[in-house]
Amino acid sequence: IKRRRPGVETPFLDVMVTDPDYHYIEYIKENDIMAG
């Protein structure tokens, strides 16, 4: 619910908040494992 609020920035421009793997992509971005 928090990530679906207006104004929430997604980790990458092509990642939607509804993506079932959002939490993995968010972890990848936050821990600088992969660059876009």
PDB file of all heavy atoms in Angstrom:
ATOM      1  N   ILE A   1       0.839  -1.205   0.000  1.00  0.00           N
ATOM      2  CA  ILE A   1       0.000   0.000   0.000  1.00  0.00           C
ATOM      3  C   ILE A   1       0.873   1.254   0.000  1.00  0.00           C
ATOM      4  O   ILE A   1       0.605   2.205  -0.742  1.00  0.00           O
ATOM      5  CB  ILE A   1      -0.966  -0.008   1.212  1.00  0.00           C
ATOM      6  CG1 ILE A   1      -2.019  -1.099   1.014  1.00  0.00           C
ATOM      7  CG2 ILE A   1      -1.617   1.359   1.415  1.00  0.00           C
ATOM      8  CD1 ILE A   1      -2.839  -1.415   2.242  1.00  0.00           C
ATOM      9  N   LYS A   2       1.933   1.267   0.795  1.00  0.00           N
ATOM     10  CA  LYS A   2       2.833   2.427   0.859  1.00  0.00           C
ATOM     11  C   LYS A   2       3.479   2.719  -0.478  1.00  0.00           C
ATOM     12  O   LYS A   2       3.612   3.876  -0.880  1.00  0.00           O
ATOM     13  CB  LYS A   2       3.919   2.202   1.908  1.00  0.00           C
ATOM     14  CG  LYS A   2       3.472   2.419   3.319  1.00  0.00           C
ATOM     15  CD  LYS A   2       4.642   2.245   4.274  1.00  0.00           C
ATOM     16  CE  LYS A   2       4.206   2.451   5.701  1.00  0.00           C
ATOM     17  NZ  LYS A   2       5.301   2.261   6.656  1.00  0.00           N
ATOM     18  N   ARG A   3       3.918   1.679  -1.177  1.00  0.00           N
ATOM     19  CA  ARG A   3       4.603   1.921  -2.445  1.00  0.00           C
ATOM     20  C   ARG A   3       3.650   2.376  -3.542  1.00  0.00           C
ATOM     21  O   ARG A   3       4.089   2.914  -4.551  1.00  0.00           O
ATOM     22  CB  ARG A   3       5.419   0.705  -2.875  1.00  0.00           C
ATOM     23  CG  ARG A   3       4.642  -0.421  -3.475  1.00  0.00           C
ATOM     24  CD  ARG A   3       5.521  -1.440  -4.173  1.00  0.00           C
ATOM     25  NE  ARG A   3       6.005  -2.469  -3.319  1.00  0.00           N
ATOM     26  CZ  ARG A   3       5.934  -3.760  -3.585  1.00  0.00           C
ATOM     27  NH1 ARG A   3       5.422  -4.176  -4.716  1.00  0.00           N
ATOM     28  NH2 ARG A   3       6.401  -4.648  -2.760  1.00  0.00           N
ATOM     29  N   ARG A   4       2.345   2.159  -3.365  1.00  0.00           N
ATOM     30  CA  ARG A   4       1.352   2.569  -4.370  1.00  0.00           C
ATOM     31  C   ARG A   4       0.870   3.995  -4.173  1.00  0.00           C
ATOM     32  O   ARG A   4       0.089   4.496  -4.982  1.00  0.00           O
ATOM     33  CB  ARG A   4       0.163   1.609  -4.348  1.00  0.00           C
ATOM     34  CG  ARG A   4       0.523   0.250  -4.874  1.00  0.00           C
ATOM     35  CD  ARG A   4      -0.650  -0.664  -4.917  1.00  0.00           C
ATOM     36  NE  ARG A   4      -0.246  -1.957  -5.478  1.00  0.00           N
ATOM     37  CZ  ARG A   4      -1.059  -2.948  -5.707  1.00  0.00           C
ATOM     38  NH1 ARG A   4      -2.335  -2.827  -5.425  1.00  0.00           N
ATOM     39  NH2 ARG A   4      -0.614  -4.072  -6.213  1.00  0.00           N
ATOM     40  N   ARG A   5       1.335   4.651  -3.134  1.00  0.00           N
ATOM     41  CA  ARG A   5       0.917   6.031  -2.880  1.00  0.00           C
ATOM     42  C   ARG A   5       1.473   6.952  -3.958  1.00  0.00           C
ATOM     43  O   ARG A   5       2.563   6.726  -4.476  1.00  0.00           O
ATOM     44  CB  ARG A   5       1.404   6.488  -1.514  1.00  0.00           C
ATOM     45  CG  ARG A   5       0.675   5.819  -0.381  1.00  0.00           C
ATOM     46  CD  ARG A   5       1.062   6.405   0.933  1.00  0.00           C
ATOM     47  NE  ARG A   5       0.302   5.766   1.990  1.00  0.00           N
ATOM     48  CZ  ARG A   5       0.725   5.598   3.211  1.00  0.00           C
ATOM     49  NH1 ARG A   5       1.915   6.042   3.563  1.00  0.00           N
ATOM     50  NH2 ARG A   5      -0.021   5.007   4.103  1.00  0.00           N
ATOM     51  N   PRO A   6       0.752   8.017  -4.258  1.00  0.00           N
ATOM     52  CA  PRO A   6       1.251   8.983  -5.247  1.00  0.00           C
ATOM     53  C   PRO A   6       2.570   9.594  -4.783  1.00  0.00           C
ATOM     54  O   PRO A   6       2.779   9.830  -3.598  1.00  0.00           O
ATOM     55  CB  PRO A   6       0.149  10.049  -5.301  1.00  0.00           C
ATOM     56  CG  PRO A   6      -1.055   9.417  -4.691  1.00  0.00           C
ATOM     57  CD  PRO A   6      -0.575   8.361  -3.753  1.00  0.00           C
ATOM     58  N   GLY A   7       3.457   9.814  -5.720  1.00  0.00           N
ATOM     59  CA  GLY A   7       4.731  10.452  -5.430  1.00  0.00           C
ATOM     60  C   GLY A   7       5.850   9.503  -5.038  1.00  0.00           C
ATOM     61  O   GLY A   7       6.979   9.932  -4.877  1.00  0.00           O
ATOM     62  N   VAL A   8       5.547   8.227  -4.899  1.00  0.00           N
ATOM     63  CA  VAL A   8       6.588   7.260  -4.549  1.00  0.00           C
ATOM     64  C   VAL A   8       7.426   6.984  -5.796  1.00  0.00           C
ATOM     65  O   VAL A   8       6.882   6.673  -6.856  1.00  0.00           O
ATOM     66  CB  VAL A   8       5.975   5.954  -3.996  1.00  0.00           C
ATOM     67  CG1 VAL A   8       7.043   4.890  -3.825  1.00  0.00           C
ATOM     68  CG2 VAL A   8       5.264   6.206  -2.684  1.00  0.00           C
ATOM     69  N   GLU A   9       8.745   7.136  -5.663  1.00  0.00           N
ATOM     70  CA  GLU A   9       9.632   6.879  -6.796  1.00  0.00           C
ATOM     71  C   GLU A   9      10.003   5.409  -6.838  1.00  0.00           C
ATOM     72  O   GLU A   9      10.353   4.826  -5.824  1.00  0.00           O
ATOM     73  CB  GLU A   9      10.904   7.723  -6.672  1.00  0.00           C
ATOM     74  CG  GLU A   9      10.668   9.179  -6.983  1.00  0.00           C
ATOM     75  CD  GLU A   9      11.976   9.935  -7.114  1.00  0.00           C
ATOM     76  OE1 GLU A   9      12.956   9.366  -7.636  1.00  0.00           O
ATOM     77  OE2 GLU A   9      11.989  11.096  -6.695  1.00  0.00           O
ATOM     78  N   THR A  10       9.931   4.839  -8.020  1.00  0.00           N
ATOM     79  CA  THR A  10      10.319   3.441  -8.188  1.00  0.00           C
ATOM     80  C   THR A  10      11.832   3.374  -8.380  1.00  0.00           C
ATOM     81  O   THR A  10      12.453   4.371  -8.763  1.00  0.00           O
ATOM     82  CB  THR A  10       9.603   2.811  -9.402  1.00  0.00           C
ATOM     83  OG1 THR A  10       9.949   3.546 -10.573  1.00  0.00           O
ATOM     84  CG2 THR A  10       8.095   2.803  -9.207  1.00  0.00           C
ATOM     85  N   PRO A  11      12.446   2.214  -8.106  1.00  0.00           N
ATOM     86  CA  PRO A  11      13.904   2.114  -8.225  1.00  0.00           C
ATOM     87  C   PRO A  11      14.427   2.407  -9.633  1.00  0.00           C
ATOM     88  O   PRO A  11      15.501   2.968  -9.786  1.00  0.00           O
ATOM     89  CB  PRO A  11      14.198   0.671  -7.841  1.00  0.00           C
ATOM     90  CG  PRO A  11      12.977   0.141  -7.198  1.00  0.00           C
ATOM     91  CD  PRO A  11      11.832   0.988  -7.642  1.00  0.00           C
ATOM     92  N   PHE A  12      13.661   2.024 -10.639  1.00  0.00           N
ATOM     93  CA  PHE A  12      14.033   2.257 -12.033  1.00  0.00           C
ATOM     94  C   PHE A  12      12.792   2.722 -12.783  1.00  0.00           C
ATOM     95  O   PHE A  12      11.663   2.404 -12.397  1.00  0.00           O
ATOM     96  CB  PHE A  12      14.586   0.985 -12.676  1.00  0.00           C
ATOM     97  CG  PHE A  12      15.859   0.484 -12.045  1.00  0.00           C
ATOM     98  CD1 PHE A  12      15.830  -0.505 -11.079  1.00  0.00           C
ATOM     99  CD2 PHE A  12      17.086   1.009 -12.421  1.00  0.00           C
ATOM    100  CE1 PHE A  12      17.001  -0.969 -10.485  1.00  0.00           C
ATOM    101  CE2 PHE A  12      18.264   0.565 -11.829  1.00  0.00           C
ATOM    102  CZ  PHE A  12      18.213  -0.434 -10.860  1.00  0.00           C
ATOM    103  N   LEU A  13      12.984   3.442 -13.875  1.00  0.00           N
ATOM    104  CA  LEU A  13      11.870   4.024 -14.611  1.00  0.00           C
ATOM    105  C   LEU A  13      10.914   2.988 -15.201  1.00  0.00           C
ATOM    106  O   LEU A  13       9.735   3.276 -15.385  1.00  0.00           O
ATOM    107  CB  LEU A  13      12.409   4.928 -15.737  1.00  0.00           C
ATOM    108  CG  LEU A  13      13.219   6.137 -15.272  1.00  0.00           C
ATOM    109  CD1 LEU A  13      13.878   6.834 -16.457  1.00  0.00           C
ATOM    110  CD2 LEU A  13      12.342   7.091 -14.477  1.00  0.00           C
ATOM    111  N   ASP A  14      11.406   1.793 -15.500  1.00  0.00           N
ATOM    112  CA  ASP A  14      10.553   0.773 -16.107  1.00  0.00           C
ATOM    113  C   ASP A  14      10.023  -0.253 -15.108  1.00  0.00           C
ATOM    114  O   ASP A  14       9.467  -1.271 -15.496  1.00  0.00           O
ATOM    115  CB  ASP A  14      11.291   0.062 -17.245  1.00  0.00           C
ATOM    116  CG  ASP A  14      12.578  -0.603 -16.798  1.00  0.00           C
ATOM    117  OD1 ASP A  14      13.089  -0.265 -15.713  1.00  0.00           O
ATOM    118  OD2 ASP A  14      13.097  -1.449 -17.551  1.00  0.00           O
ATOM    119  N   VAL A  15      10.170   0.010 -13.830  1.00  0.00           N
ATOM    120  CA  VAL A  15       9.676  -0.898 -12.797  1.00  0.00           C
ATOM    121  C   VAL A  15       8.414  -0.288 -12.200  1.00  0.00           C
ATOM    122  O   VAL A  15       8.446   0.820 -11.662  1.00  0.00           O
ATOM    123  CB  VAL A  15      10.744  -1.131 -11.704  1.00  0.00           C
ATOM    124  CG1 VAL A  15      10.185  -1.987 -10.581  1.00  0.00           C
ATOM    125  CG2 VAL A  15      11.973  -1.782 -12.309  1.00  0.00           C
ATOM    126  N   MET A  16       7.336  -1.031 -12.293  1.00  0.00           N
ATOM    127  CA  MET A  16       6.057  -0.569 -11.762  1.00  0.00           C
ATOM    128  C   MET A  16       5.902  -1.019 -10.313  1.00  0.00           C
ATOM    129  O   MET A  16       6.416  -2.071  -9.934  1.00  0.00           O
ATOM    130  CB  MET A  16       4.888  -1.116 -12.597  1.00  0.00           C
ATOM    131  CG  MET A  16       5.026  -0.919 -14.102  1.00  0.00           C
ATOM    132  SD  MET A  16       5.498   0.734 -14.627  1.00  0.00           S
ATOM    133  CE  MET A  16       4.046   1.649 -14.372  1.00  0.00           C
ATOM    134  N   VAL A  17       5.179  -0.264  -9.517  1.00  0.00           N
ATOM    135  CA  VAL A  17       4.973  -0.626  -8.110  1.00  0.00           C
ATOM    136  C   VAL A  17       4.182  -1.922  -7.973  1.00  0.00           C
ATOM    137  O   VAL A  17       4.224  -2.574  -6.937  1.00  0.00           O
ATOM    138  CB  VAL A  17       4.286   0.505  -7.309  1.00  0.00           C
ATOM    139  CG1 VAL A  17       5.198   1.708  -7.204  1.00  0.00           C
ATOM    140  CG2 VAL A  17       2.945   0.873  -7.900  1.00  0.00           C
ATOM    141  N   THR A  18       3.496  -2.325  -9.024  1.00  0.00           N
ATOM    142  CA  THR A  18       2.704  -3.563  -8.999  1.00  0.00           C
ATOM    143  C   THR A  18       3.519  -4.779  -9.419  1.00  0.00           C
ATOM    144  O   THR A  18       3.010  -5.903  -9.384  1.00  0.00           O
ATOM    145  CB  THR A  18       1.486  -3.423  -9.931  1.00  0.00           C
ATOM    146  OG1 THR A  18       1.955  -3.073 -11.244  1.00  0.00           O
ATOM    147  CG2 THR A  18       0.529  -2.359  -9.423  1.00  0.00           C
ATOM    148  N   ASP A  19       4.769  -4.591  -9.802  1.00  0.00           N
ATOM    149  CA  ASP A  19       5.617  -5.697 -10.247  1.00  0.00           C
ATOM    150  C   ASP A  19       5.774  -6.713  -9.108  1.00  0.00           C
ATOM    151  O   ASP A  19       6.118  -6.336  -7.990  1.00  0.00           O
ATOM    152  CB  ASP A  19       6.991  -5.153 -10.652  1.00  0.00           C
ATOM    153  CG  ASP A  19       7.847  -6.173 -11.375  1.00  0.00           C
ATOM    154  OD1 ASP A  19       7.927  -7.328 -10.901  1.00  0.00           O
ATOM    155  OD2 ASP A  19       8.435  -5.814 -12.407  1.00  0.00           O
ATOM    156  N   PRO A  20       5.527  -7.993  -9.372  1.00  0.00           N
ATOM    157  CA  PRO A  20       5.647  -8.993  -8.307  1.00  0.00           C
ATOM    158  C   PRO A  20       7.074  -9.142  -7.771  1.00  0.00           C
ATOM    159  O   PRO A  20       7.270  -9.634  -6.665  1.00  0.00           O
ATOM    160  CB  PRO A  20       5.169 -10.288  -8.965  1.00  0.00           C
ATOM    161  CG  PRO A  20       5.183 -10.042 -10.426  1.00  0.00           C
ATOM    162  CD  PRO A  20       5.087  -8.570 -10.637  1.00  0.00           C
ATOM    163  N   ASP A  21       8.060  -8.699  -8.525  1.00  0.00           N
ATOM    164  CA  ASP A  21       9.456  -8.773  -8.089  1.00  0.00           C
ATOM    165  C   ASP A  21       9.985  -7.423  -7.611  1.00  0.00           C
ATOM    166  O   ASP A  21      11.193  -7.242  -7.470  1.00  0.00           O
ATOM    167  CB  ASP A  21      10.330  -9.292  -9.235  1.00  0.00           C
ATOM    168  CG  ASP A  21       9.983 -10.717  -9.603  1.00  0.00           C
ATOM    169  OD1 ASP A  21       9.858 -11.546  -8.680  1.00  0.00           O
ATOM    170  OD2 ASP A  21       9.824 -10.997 -10.797  1.00  0.00           O
ATOM    171  N   TYR A  22       9.086  -6.495  -7.346  1.00  0.00           N
ATOM    172  CA  TYR A  22       9.463  -5.147  -6.938  1.00  0.00           C
ATOM    173  C   TYR A  22      10.426  -5.165  -5.759  1.00  0.00           C
ATOM    174  O   TYR A  22      11.423  -4.450  -5.746  1.00  0.00           O
ATOM    175  CB  TYR A  22       8.204  -4.343  -6.594  1.00  0.00           C
ATOM    176  CG  TYR A  22       8.475  -2.900  -6.263  1.00  0.00           C
ATOM    177  CD1 TYR A  22       8.423  -1.928  -7.255  1.00  0.00           C
ATOM    178  CD2 TYR A  22       8.787  -2.487  -4.965  1.00  0.00           C
ATOM    179  CE1 TYR A  22       8.657  -0.595  -6.970  1.00  0.00           C
ATOM    180  CE2 TYR A  22       9.028  -1.158  -4.667  1.00  0.00           C
ATOM    181  CZ  TYR A  22       8.964  -0.210  -5.673  1.00  0.00           C
ATOM    182  OH  TYR A  22       9.209   1.095  -5.395  1.00  0.00           O
ATOM    183  N   HIS A  23      10.156  -5.998  -4.757  1.00  0.00           N
ATOM    184  CA  HIS A  23      11.000  -6.015  -3.553  1.00  0.00           C
ATOM    185  C   HIS A  23      12.417  -6.496  -3.863  1.00  0.00           C
ATOM    186  O   HIS A  23      13.376  -6.047  -3.259  1.00  0.00           O
ATOM    187  CB  HIS A  23      10.347  -6.807  -2.416  1.00  0.00           C
ATOM    188  CG  HIS A  23       9.998  -8.215  -2.713  1.00  0.00           C
ATOM    189  ND1 HIS A  23       9.131  -8.605  -3.722  1.00  0.00           N
ATOM    190  CD2 HIS A  23      10.407  -9.363  -2.130  1.00  0.00           C
ATOM    191  CE1 HIS A  23       9.018  -9.915  -3.736  1.00  0.00           C
ATOM    192  NE2 HIS A  23       9.789 -10.411  -2.791  1.00  0.00           N
ATOM    193  N   TYR A  24      12.567  -7.398  -4.847  1.00  0.00           N
ATOM    194  CA  TYR A  24      13.909  -7.823  -5.249  1.00  0.00           C
ATOM    195  C   TYR A  24      14.622  -6.693  -5.995  1.00  0.00           C
ATOM    196  O   TYR A  24      15.795  -6.415  -5.754  1.00  0.00           O
ATOM    197  CB  TYR A  24      13.847  -9.072  -6.143  1.00  0.00           C
ATOM    198  CG  TYR A  24      13.706 -10.334  -5.341  1.00  0.00           C
ATOM    199  CD1 TYR A  24      12.457 -10.873  -5.074  1.00  0.00           C
ATOM    200  CD2 TYR A  24      14.828 -10.977  -4.827  1.00  0.00           C
ATOM    201  CE1 TYR A  24      12.330 -12.037  -4.323  1.00  0.00           C
ATOM    202  CE2 TYR A  24      14.710 -12.133  -4.074  1.00  0.00           C
ATOM    203  CZ  TYR A  24      13.458 -12.666  -3.827  1.00  0.00           C
ATOM    204  OH  TYR A  24      13.337 -13.793  -3.071  1.00  0.00           O
ATOM    205  N   ILE A  25      13.908  -6.038  -6.890  1.00  0.00           N
ATOM    206  CA  ILE A  25      14.498  -4.937  -7.663  1.00  0.00           C
ATOM    207  C   ILE A  25      14.867  -3.775  -6.737  1.00  0.00           C
ATOM    208  O   ILE A  25      15.924  -3.162  -6.894  1.00  0.00           O
ATOM    209  CB  ILE A  25      13.541  -4.501  -8.795  1.00  0.00           C
ATOM    210  CG1 ILE A  25      13.307  -5.673  -9.756  1.00  0.00           C
ATOM    211  CG2 ILE A  25      14.080  -3.283  -9.527  1.00  0.00           C
ATOM    212  CD1 ILE A  25      12.162  -5.489 -10.722  1.00  0.00           C
ATOM    213  N   GLU A  26      14.030  -3.517  -5.759  1.00  0.00           N
ATOM    214  CA  GLU A  26      14.313  -2.472  -4.780  1.00  0.00           C
ATOM    215  C   GLU A  26      15.583  -2.811  -3.987  1.00  0.00           C
ATOM    216  O   GLU A  26      16.443  -1.958  -3.779  1.00  0.00           O
ATOM    217  CB  GLU A  26      13.111  -2.327  -3.850  1.00  0.00           C
ATOM    218  CG  GLU A  26      13.180  -1.180  -2.891  1.00  0.00           C
ATOM    219  CD  GLU A  26      11.887  -1.058  -2.098  1.00  0.00           C
ATOM    220  OE1 GLU A  26      11.404  -2.068  -1.544  1.00  0.00           O
ATOM    221  OE2 GLU A  26      11.372   0.073  -2.039  1.00  0.00           O
ATOM    222  N   TYR A  27      15.732  -4.071  -3.571  1.00  0.00           N
ATOM    223  CA  TYR A  27      16.929  -4.522  -2.852  1.00  0.00           C
ATOM    224  C   TYR A  27      18.169  -4.365  -3.733  1.00  0.00           C
ATOM    225  O   TYR A  27      19.209  -3.897  -3.280  1.00  0.00           O
ATOM    226  CB  TYR A  27      16.760  -5.978  -2.422  1.00  0.00           C
ATOM    227  CG  TYR A  27      17.911  -6.525  -1.611  1.00  0.00           C
ATOM    228  CD1 TYR A  27      17.867  -6.520  -0.226  1.00  0.00           C
ATOM    229  CD2 TYR A  27      19.050  -7.039  -2.223  1.00  0.00           C
ATOM    230  CE1 TYR A  27      18.930  -7.018   0.533  1.00  0.00           C
ATOM    231  CE2 TYR A  27      20.112  -7.534  -1.486  1.00  0.00           C
ATOM    232  CZ  TYR A  27      20.040  -7.519  -0.107  1.00  0.00           C
ATOM    233  OH  TYR A  27      21.097  -8.009   0.632  1.00  0.00           O
ATOM    234  N   ILE A  28      18.045  -4.746  -4.999  1.00  0.00           N
ATOM    235  CA  ILE A  28      19.148  -4.635  -5.958  1.00  0.00           C
ATOM    236  C   ILE A  28      19.602  -3.183  -6.083  1.00  0.00           C
ATOM    237  O   ILE A  28      20.793  -2.890  -6.061  1.00  0.00           O
ATOM    238  CB  ILE A  28      18.724  -5.214  -7.329  1.00  0.00           C
ATOM    239  CG1 ILE A  28      18.642  -6.745  -7.257  1.00  0.00           C
ATOM    240  CG2 ILE A  28      19.642  -4.748  -8.448  1.00  0.00           C
ATOM    241  CD1 ILE A  28      17.929  -7.390  -8.434  1.00  0.00           C
ATOM    242  N   LYS A  29      18.657  -2.271  -6.185  1.00  0.00           N
ATOM    243  CA  LYS A  29      18.974  -0.844  -6.328  1.00  0.00           C
ATOM    244  C   LYS A  29      19.568  -0.282  -5.036  1.00  0.00           C
ATOM    245  O   LYS A  29      20.604   0.390  -5.061  1.00  0.00           O
ATOM    246  CB  LYS A  29      17.708  -0.072  -6.719  1.00  0.00           C
ATOM    247  CG  LYS A  29      17.861   1.426  -6.779  1.00  0.00           C
ATOM    248  CD  LYS A  29      18.633   1.856  -7.980  1.00  0.00           C
ATOM    249  CE  LYS A  29      18.581   3.370  -8.094  1.00  0.00           C
ATOM    250  NZ  LYS A  29      19.097   3.850  -9.331  1.00  0.00           N
ATOM    251  N   GLU A  30      18.927  -0.576  -3.902  1.00  0.00           N
ATOM    252  CA  GLU A  30      19.378  -0.036  -2.617  1.00  0.00           C
ATOM    253  C   GLU A  30      20.775  -0.519  -2.245  1.00  0.00           C
ATOM    254  O   GLU A  30      21.521   0.199  -1.588  1.00  0.00           O
ATOM    255  CB  GLU A  30      18.397  -0.404  -1.505  1.00  0.00           C
ATOM    256  CG  GLU A  30      17.106   0.365  -1.563  1.00  0.00           C
ATOM    257  CD  GLU A  30      16.069  -0.120  -0.565  1.00  0.00           C
ATOM    258  OE1 GLU A  30      16.323  -1.093   0.179  1.00  0.00           O
ATOM    259  OE2 GLU A  30      14.980   0.488  -0.528  1.00  0.00           O
ATOM    260  N   ASN A  31      21.128  -1.724  -2.657  1.00  0.00           N
ATOM    261  CA  ASN A  31      22.427  -2.295  -2.300  1.00  0.00           C
ATOM    262  C   ASN A  31      23.444  -2.197  -3.434  1.00  0.00           C
ATOM    263  O   ASN A  31      24.508  -2.801  -3.364  1.00  0.00           O
ATOM    264  CB  ASN A  31      22.251  -3.744  -1.849  1.00  0.00           C
ATOM    265  CG  ASN A  31      21.515  -3.809  -0.535  1.00  0.00           C
ATOM    266  OD1 ASN A  31      22.099  -3.561   0.508  1.00  0.00           O
ATOM    267  ND2 ASN A  31      20.222  -4.098  -0.587  1.00  0.00           N
ATOM    268  N   ASP A  32      23.097  -1.440  -4.474  1.00  0.00           N
ATOM    269  CA  ASP A  32      23.980  -1.174  -5.608  1.00  0.00           C
ATOM    270  C   ASP A  32      24.572  -2.449  -6.204  1.00  0.00           C
ATOM    271  O   ASP A  32      25.755  -2.520  -6.526  1.00  0.00           O
ATOM    272  CB  ASP A  32      25.093  -0.209  -5.191  1.00  0.00           C
ATOM    273  CG  ASP A  32      25.802   0.395  -6.381  1.00  0.00           C
ATOM    274  OD1 ASP A  32      25.158   0.556  -7.441  1.00  0.00           O
ATOM    275  OD2 ASP A  32      27.004   0.693  -6.279  1.00  0.00           O
ATOM    276  N   ILE A  33      23.728  -3.465  -6.348  1.00  0.00           N
ATOM    277  CA  ILE A  33      24.171  -4.733  -6.914  1.00  0.00           C
ATOM    278  C   ILE A  33      24.177  -4.664  -8.442  1.00  0.00           C
ATOM    279  O   ILE A  33      25.057  -5.215  -9.092  1.00  0.00           O
ATOM    280  CB  ILE A  33      23.286  -5.888  -6.417  1.00  0.00           C
ATOM    281  CG1 ILE A  33      23.467  -6.049  -4.904  1.00  0.00           C
ATOM    282  CG2 ILE A  33      23.598  -7.186  -7.149  1.00  0.00           C
ATOM    283  CD1 ILE A  33      22.477  -6.969  -4.260  1.00  0.00           C
ATOM    284  N   MET A  34      23.182  -3.971  -8.992  1.00  0.00           N
ATOM    285  CA  MET A  34      23.089  -3.821 -10.439  1.00  0.00           C
ATOM    286  C   MET A  34      22.795  -2.367 -10.775  1.00  0.00           C
ATOM    287  O   MET A  34      22.077  -1.697 -10.046  1.00  0.00           O
ATOM    288  CB  MET A  34      21.963  -4.695 -11.009  1.00  0.00           C
ATOM    289  CG  MET A  34      22.199  -6.171 -10.913  1.00  0.00           C
ATOM    290  SD  MET A  34      20.771  -7.146 -11.453  1.00  0.00           S
ATOM    291  CE  MET A  34      20.825  -6.920 -13.225  1.00  0.00           C
ATOM    292  N   ALA A  35      23.351  -1.945 -11.886  1.00  0.00           N
ATOM    293  CA  ALA A  35      23.051  -0.603 -12.392  1.00  0.00           C
ATOM    294  C   ALA A  35      22.030  -0.742 -13.515  1.00  0.00           C
ATOM    295  O   ALA A  35      21.984  -1.755 -14.205  1.00  0.00           O
ATOM    296  CB  ALA A  35      24.318   0.060 -12.920  1.00  0.00           C
ATOM    297  N   GLY A  36      21.249   0.251 -13.658  1.00  0.00           N
ATOM    298  CA  GLY A  36      20.314   0.258 -14.766  1.00  0.00           C
ATOM    299  C   GLY A  36      20.998   0.759 -16.030  1.00  0.00           C
ATOM    300  O   GLY A  36      22.207   1.004 -16.055  1.00  0.00           O
TER     301      GLY A  36
END
